[in-house]
Amino acid sequence: MSALATPIRKNDTVVVTVGKDSGKRGRVLRVLPTGNRLIVEGVNIIKRHTKPNPQKNIKGGIVEREASMHASNVQLVCPECNKMTRLGRKILTDGRKVRICRKCEGVVDK
């Protein structure tokens, strides 16, 4: 499987557009480029049964954590206009290549 370049990066704020968590906002914790998937904070929560492991100081029981979701199921939130948006690219006068908001033309990268 080839790695697909997703325009969404770690620490971006995204909105879930489909599924049981649609409408929720969260911060991207991890990007898994091989499957074009993301792990978003507080979204797509699953339950895992874990065995206790005293060596690693892990208690047993049912643990809730975030599962990965496909990058096509989320949309980036522009930090300037605070709306869901598609991303474009632009080369600034100083030569930097940045991601821009398609709605307000604001720079998404800091």
N, C-alpha and C. Protein backbone atom coordinates (compact mmCIF):
# COMPACT_ATOMS: atom_id res chain seq x y z
N MET A 1 0.84 -1.18 0.00
CA MET A 1 0.00 0.00 0.00
C MET A 1 0.88 1.24 0.00
N SER A 2 0.60 2.16 -0.89
CA SER A 2 1.42 3.36 -0.98
C SER A 2 0.97 4.40 0.03
N ALA A 3 1.89 5.24 0.42
CA ALA A 3 1.57 6.31 1.37
C ALA A 3 0.95 7.48 0.62
N LEU A 4 -0.25 7.86 1.02
CA LEU A 4 -0.93 8.99 0.40
C LEU A 4 -0.69 10.23 1.25
N ALA A 5 -0.39 11.32 0.60
CA ALA A 5 -0.09 12.55 1.32
C ALA A 5 -1.41 13.24 1.68
N THR A 6 -1.74 13.23 2.95
CA THR A 6 -2.92 13.94 3.41
C THR A 6 -2.53 15.36 3.79
N PRO A 7 -3.35 16.35 3.45
CA PRO A 7 -2.99 17.73 3.79
C PRO A 7 -3.16 18.04 5.27
N ILE A 8 -3.80 17.14 6.01
CA ILE A 8 -4.01 17.36 7.44
C ILE A 8 -2.79 16.89 8.21
N ARG A 9 -2.35 17.69 9.18
CA ARG A 9 -1.16 17.38 9.95
C ARG A 9 -1.48 17.27 11.43
N LYS A 10 -0.50 16.82 12.19
CA LYS A 10 -0.64 16.71 13.63
C LYS A 10 -0.91 18.10 14.24
N ASN A 11 -1.75 18.14 15.27
CA ASN A 11 -2.15 19.35 16.00
C ASN A 11 -3.10 20.26 15.22
N ASP A 12 -3.56 19.85 14.03
CA ASP A 12 -4.60 20.61 13.34
C ASP A 12 -5.94 20.37 14.03
N THR A 13 -6.83 21.36 13.98
CA THR A 13 -8.19 21.17 14.49
C THR A 13 -9.06 20.76 13.32
N VAL A 14 -9.84 19.69 13.53
CA VAL A 14 -10.68 19.17 12.46
C VAL A 14 -12.11 18.97 12.97
N VAL A 15 -13.05 18.89 12.03
CA VAL A 15 -14.45 18.57 12.33
C VAL A 15 -14.77 17.27 11.63
N VAL A 16 -15.43 16.36 12.35
CA VAL A 16 -15.85 15.09 11.76
C VAL A 16 -17.11 15.35 10.94
N THR A 17 -17.12 14.88 9.68
CA THR A 17 -18.24 15.18 8.78
C THR A 17 -19.23 14.03 8.66
N VAL A 18 -18.82 12.80 8.94
CA VAL A 18 -19.72 11.65 8.80
C VAL A 18 -19.56 10.72 9.98
N GLY A 19 -20.55 9.85 10.16
CA GLY A 19 -20.44 8.81 11.18
C GLY A 19 -21.10 9.19 12.49
N LYS A 20 -20.86 8.36 13.50
CA LYS A 20 -21.53 8.54 14.80
C LYS A 20 -21.07 9.80 15.52
N ASP A 21 -19.87 10.29 15.21
CA ASP A 21 -19.33 11.48 15.87
C ASP A 21 -19.41 12.71 14.99
N SER A 22 -20.31 12.72 14.01
CA SER A 22 -20.33 13.83 13.06
C SER A 22 -20.67 15.14 13.77
N GLY A 23 -19.93 16.20 13.42
CA GLY A 23 -20.11 17.50 14.04
C GLY A 23 -19.14 17.78 15.18
N LYS A 24 -18.46 16.76 15.68
CA LYS A 24 -17.52 16.96 16.78
C LYS A 24 -16.22 17.55 16.27
N ARG A 25 -15.64 18.42 17.10
CA ARG A 25 -14.33 18.99 16.78
C ARG A 25 -13.28 18.35 17.66
N GLY A 26 -12.09 18.23 17.13
CA GLY A 26 -10.99 17.68 17.92
C GLY A 26 -9.66 18.01 17.28
N ARG A 27 -8.61 17.78 18.07
CA ARG A 27 -7.25 18.02 17.62
C ARG A 27 -6.66 16.70 17.13
N VAL A 28 -5.92 16.75 16.04
CA VAL A 28 -5.30 15.54 15.49
C VAL A 28 -4.12 15.15 16.37
N LEU A 29 -4.18 13.94 16.94
CA LEU A 29 -3.11 13.46 17.81
C LEU A 29 -2.02 12.76 17.01
N ARG A 30 -2.43 11.96 16.02
CA ARG A 30 -1.46 11.22 15.19
C ARG A 30 -1.97 11.15 13.77
N VAL A 31 -1.04 11.12 12.83
CA VAL A 31 -1.37 10.89 11.42
C VAL A 31 -0.71 9.58 11.03
N LEU A 32 -1.51 8.67 10.48
CA LEU A 32 -1.01 7.37 10.03
C LEU A 32 -1.04 7.38 8.50
N PRO A 33 0.07 7.77 7.85
CA PRO A 33 0.04 8.01 6.41
C PRO A 33 -0.14 6.77 5.55
N THR A 34 0.22 5.60 6.06
CA THR A 34 0.12 4.40 5.21
C THR A 34 -1.32 4.06 4.87
N GLY A 35 -2.24 4.26 5.80
CA GLY A 35 -3.64 3.99 5.52
C GLY A 35 -4.45 5.24 5.32
N ASN A 36 -3.78 6.41 5.25
CA ASN A 36 -4.44 7.71 5.12
C ASN A 36 -5.45 7.90 6.26
N ARG A 37 -5.00 7.60 7.49
CA ARG A 37 -5.88 7.64 8.65
C ARG A 37 -5.35 8.61 9.70
N LEU A 38 -6.26 9.04 10.59
CA LEU A 38 -5.94 9.99 11.65
C LEU A 38 -6.47 9.48 12.97
N ILE A 39 -5.84 9.91 14.06
CA ILE A 39 -6.39 9.71 15.39
C ILE A 39 -6.70 11.10 15.93
N VAL A 40 -8.01 11.34 16.22
CA VAL A 40 -8.48 12.65 16.63
C VAL A 40 -8.89 12.57 18.10
N GLU A 41 -8.51 13.60 18.86
CA GLU A 41 -8.75 13.65 20.29
C GLU A 41 -10.25 13.70 20.60
N GLY A 42 -10.73 12.75 21.41
CA GLY A 42 -12.13 12.73 21.85
C GLY A 42 -13.13 12.26 20.83
N VAL A 43 -12.67 11.69 19.73
CA VAL A 43 -13.56 11.25 18.65
C VAL A 43 -13.29 9.79 18.35
N ASN A 44 -14.35 9.05 17.96
CA ASN A 44 -14.24 7.64 17.60
C ASN A 44 -13.70 6.82 18.78
N ILE A 45 -14.33 6.95 19.93
CA ILE A 45 -13.90 6.26 21.15
C ILE A 45 -14.31 4.80 21.08
N ILE A 46 -13.35 3.91 21.38
CA ILE A 46 -13.62 2.47 21.43
C ILE A 46 -13.24 1.95 22.80
N LYS A 47 -13.73 0.76 23.13
CA LYS A 47 -13.41 0.13 24.41
C LYS A 47 -12.51 -1.07 24.14
N ARG A 48 -11.46 -1.18 24.93
CA ARG A 48 -10.52 -2.29 24.82
C ARG A 48 -10.41 -2.98 26.18
N HIS A 49 -10.46 -4.29 26.18
CA HIS A 49 -10.28 -5.06 27.41
C HIS A 49 -8.79 -5.34 27.57
N THR A 50 -8.21 -4.93 28.69
CA THR A 50 -6.78 -5.11 28.90
C THR A 50 -6.51 -5.97 30.11
N LYS A 51 -5.46 -6.76 30.02
CA LYS A 51 -5.02 -7.57 31.15
C LYS A 51 -4.13 -6.73 32.05
N PRO A 52 -4.15 -6.98 33.34
CA PRO A 52 -3.23 -6.25 34.21
C PRO A 52 -1.79 -6.67 33.97
N ASN A 53 -0.88 -5.70 33.99
CA ASN A 53 0.54 -5.97 33.82
C ASN A 53 1.29 -5.17 34.88
N PRO A 54 1.65 -5.82 35.99
CA PRO A 54 2.30 -5.10 37.08
C PRO A 54 3.67 -4.53 36.70
N GLN A 55 4.38 -5.16 35.76
CA GLN A 55 5.69 -4.67 35.36
C GLN A 55 5.59 -3.30 34.69
N LYS A 56 4.57 -3.11 33.86
CA LYS A 56 4.39 -1.84 33.16
C LYS A 56 3.42 -0.92 33.90
N ASN A 57 3.00 -1.33 35.10
CA ASN A 57 2.11 -0.55 35.95
C ASN A 57 0.77 -0.26 35.24
N ILE A 58 0.22 -1.31 34.57
CA ILE A 58 -1.05 -1.19 33.87
C ILE A 58 -2.11 -1.96 34.65
N LYS A 59 -3.20 -1.27 34.98
CA LYS A 59 -4.31 -1.94 35.64
C LYS A 59 -5.16 -2.62 34.59
N GLY A 60 -5.77 -3.71 34.96
CA GLY A 60 -6.65 -4.42 34.03
C GLY A 60 -8.01 -3.77 34.00
N GLY A 61 -8.82 -4.15 33.03
CA GLY A 61 -10.18 -3.64 32.94
C GLY A 61 -10.50 -3.14 31.55
N ILE A 62 -11.57 -2.38 31.47
CA ILE A 62 -12.01 -1.85 30.19
C ILE A 62 -11.46 -0.43 30.03
N VAL A 63 -10.69 -0.22 28.97
CA VAL A 63 -10.05 1.07 28.71
C VAL A 63 -10.71 1.70 27.49
N GLU A 64 -11.06 2.97 27.61
CA GLU A 64 -11.60 3.71 26.46
C GLU A 64 -10.49 4.54 25.85
N ARG A 65 -10.39 4.48 24.52
CA ARG A 65 -9.37 5.28 23.83
C ARG A 65 -9.85 5.59 22.41
N GLU A 66 -9.12 6.49 21.76
CA GLU A 66 -9.49 6.90 20.41
C GLU A 66 -8.99 5.88 19.39
N ALA A 67 -9.83 5.57 18.42
CA ALA A 67 -9.43 4.71 17.31
C ALA A 67 -9.16 5.59 16.10
N SER A 68 -8.46 5.03 15.13
CA SER A 68 -8.16 5.82 13.92
C SER A 68 -9.39 5.92 13.04
N MET A 69 -9.43 6.96 12.24
CA MET A 69 -10.50 7.13 11.27
C MET A 69 -9.89 7.64 9.96
N HIS A 70 -10.60 7.43 8.87
CA HIS A 70 -10.07 7.80 7.57
C HIS A 70 -10.06 9.32 7.43
N ALA A 71 -9.03 9.83 6.77
CA ALA A 71 -8.85 11.28 6.63
C ALA A 71 -9.96 11.92 5.81
N SER A 72 -10.65 11.15 4.97
CA SER A 72 -11.73 11.72 4.16
C SER A 72 -12.98 12.00 4.99
N ASN A 73 -13.02 11.50 6.22
CA ASN A 73 -14.20 11.70 7.07
C ASN A 73 -14.10 12.95 7.94
N VAL A 74 -13.03 13.72 7.78
CA VAL A 74 -12.87 14.94 8.55
C VAL A 74 -12.54 16.10 7.61
N GLN A 75 -12.80 17.32 8.10
CA GLN A 75 -12.42 18.51 7.37
C GLN A 75 -11.70 19.46 8.30
N LEU A 76 -10.72 20.13 7.79
CA LEU A 76 -9.91 21.04 8.59
C LEU A 76 -10.70 22.29 8.96
N VAL A 77 -10.43 22.83 10.17
CA VAL A 77 -11.03 24.08 10.61
C VAL A 77 -9.98 25.16 10.45
N CYS A 78 -10.33 26.22 9.72
CA CYS A 78 -9.41 27.34 9.51
C CYS A 78 -9.26 28.10 10.82
N PRO A 79 -8.02 28.37 11.27
CA PRO A 79 -7.85 29.10 12.53
C PRO A 79 -8.25 30.57 12.44
N GLU A 80 -8.32 31.12 11.24
CA GLU A 80 -8.66 32.54 11.09
C GLU A 80 -10.17 32.76 11.02
N CYS A 81 -10.87 32.02 10.13
CA CYS A 81 -12.31 32.24 9.98
C CYS A 81 -13.13 31.26 10.80
N ASN A 82 -12.49 30.25 11.40
CA ASN A 82 -13.12 29.27 12.30
C ASN A 82 -14.23 28.48 11.61
N LYS A 83 -14.06 28.20 10.30
CA LYS A 83 -15.03 27.41 9.55
C LYS A 83 -14.34 26.19 8.95
N MET A 84 -15.15 25.15 8.64
CA MET A 84 -14.60 24.00 7.94
C MET A 84 -14.21 24.44 6.54
N THR A 85 -13.07 23.95 6.07
CA THR A 85 -12.62 24.41 4.76
C THR A 85 -11.77 23.35 4.07
N ARG A 86 -11.66 23.52 2.77
CA ARG A 86 -10.69 22.75 2.00
C ARG A 86 -9.38 23.51 2.04
N LEU A 87 -8.31 22.84 1.67
CA LEU A 87 -6.99 23.46 1.74
C LEU A 87 -6.45 23.71 0.34
N GLY A 88 -5.73 24.81 0.23
CA GLY A 88 -4.98 25.11 -0.98
C GLY A 88 -3.53 25.31 -0.60
N ARG A 89 -2.70 25.50 -1.59
CA ARG A 89 -1.28 25.76 -1.34
C ARG A 89 -0.88 27.04 -2.03
N LYS A 90 0.08 27.72 -1.40
CA LYS A 90 0.51 29.01 -1.94
C LYS A 90 1.98 29.19 -1.57
N ILE A 91 2.73 29.80 -2.46
CA ILE A 91 4.12 30.12 -2.17
C ILE A 91 4.18 31.61 -1.83
N LEU A 92 4.66 31.89 -0.62
CA LEU A 92 4.74 33.28 -0.16
C LEU A 92 5.93 33.99 -0.80
N THR A 93 6.01 35.30 -0.59
CA THR A 93 7.08 36.09 -1.19
C THR A 93 8.46 35.71 -0.65
N ASP A 94 8.49 35.19 0.59
CA ASP A 94 9.79 34.78 1.14
C ASP A 94 10.17 33.37 0.74
N GLY A 95 9.36 32.72 -0.11
CA GLY A 95 9.71 31.41 -0.65
C GLY A 95 9.11 30.23 0.10
N ARG A 96 8.40 30.48 1.22
CA ARG A 96 7.80 29.38 1.97
C ARG A 96 6.55 28.88 1.26
N LYS A 97 6.36 27.56 1.27
CA LYS A 97 5.14 26.97 0.73
C LYS A 97 4.21 26.71 1.92
N VAL A 98 3.02 27.32 1.90
CA VAL A 98 2.11 27.21 3.04
C VAL A 98 0.75 26.69 2.59
N ARG A 99 -0.01 26.18 3.55
CA ARG A 99 -1.39 25.76 3.29
C ARG A 99 -2.30 26.96 3.56
N ILE A 100 -3.28 27.16 2.67
CA ILE A 100 -4.19 28.29 2.85
C ILE A 100 -5.63 27.79 2.87
N CYS A 101 -6.49 28.58 3.52
CA CYS A 101 -7.92 28.32 3.58
C CYS A 101 -8.56 28.72 2.25
N ARG A 102 -9.43 27.89 1.72
CA ARG A 102 -10.08 28.20 0.44
C ARG A 102 -11.20 29.23 0.62
N LYS A 103 -11.68 29.43 1.86
CA LYS A 103 -12.79 30.36 2.07
C LYS A 103 -12.29 31.78 2.30
N CYS A 104 -11.30 31.94 3.21
CA CYS A 104 -10.87 33.30 3.57
C CYS A 104 -9.47 33.62 3.05
N GLU A 105 -8.83 32.67 2.36
CA GLU A 105 -7.47 32.84 1.84
C GLU A 105 -6.44 33.09 2.94
N GLY A 106 -6.80 32.74 4.19
CA GLY A 106 -5.87 32.91 5.31
C GLY A 106 -4.87 31.78 5.37
N VAL A 107 -3.71 32.04 5.94
CA VAL A 107 -2.66 31.03 6.06
C VAL A 107 -2.99 30.12 7.24
N VAL A 108 -3.01 28.80 6.99
CA VAL A 108 -3.31 27.82 8.03
C VAL A 108 -2.06 27.50 8.84
N ASP A 109 -0.90 27.43 8.16
CA ASP A 109 0.36 27.13 8.86
C ASP A 109 0.79 28.33 9.67
N LYS A 110 1.45 28.05 10.79
CA LYS A 110 1.92 29.14 11.63
C LYS A 110 3.32 29.53 11.26
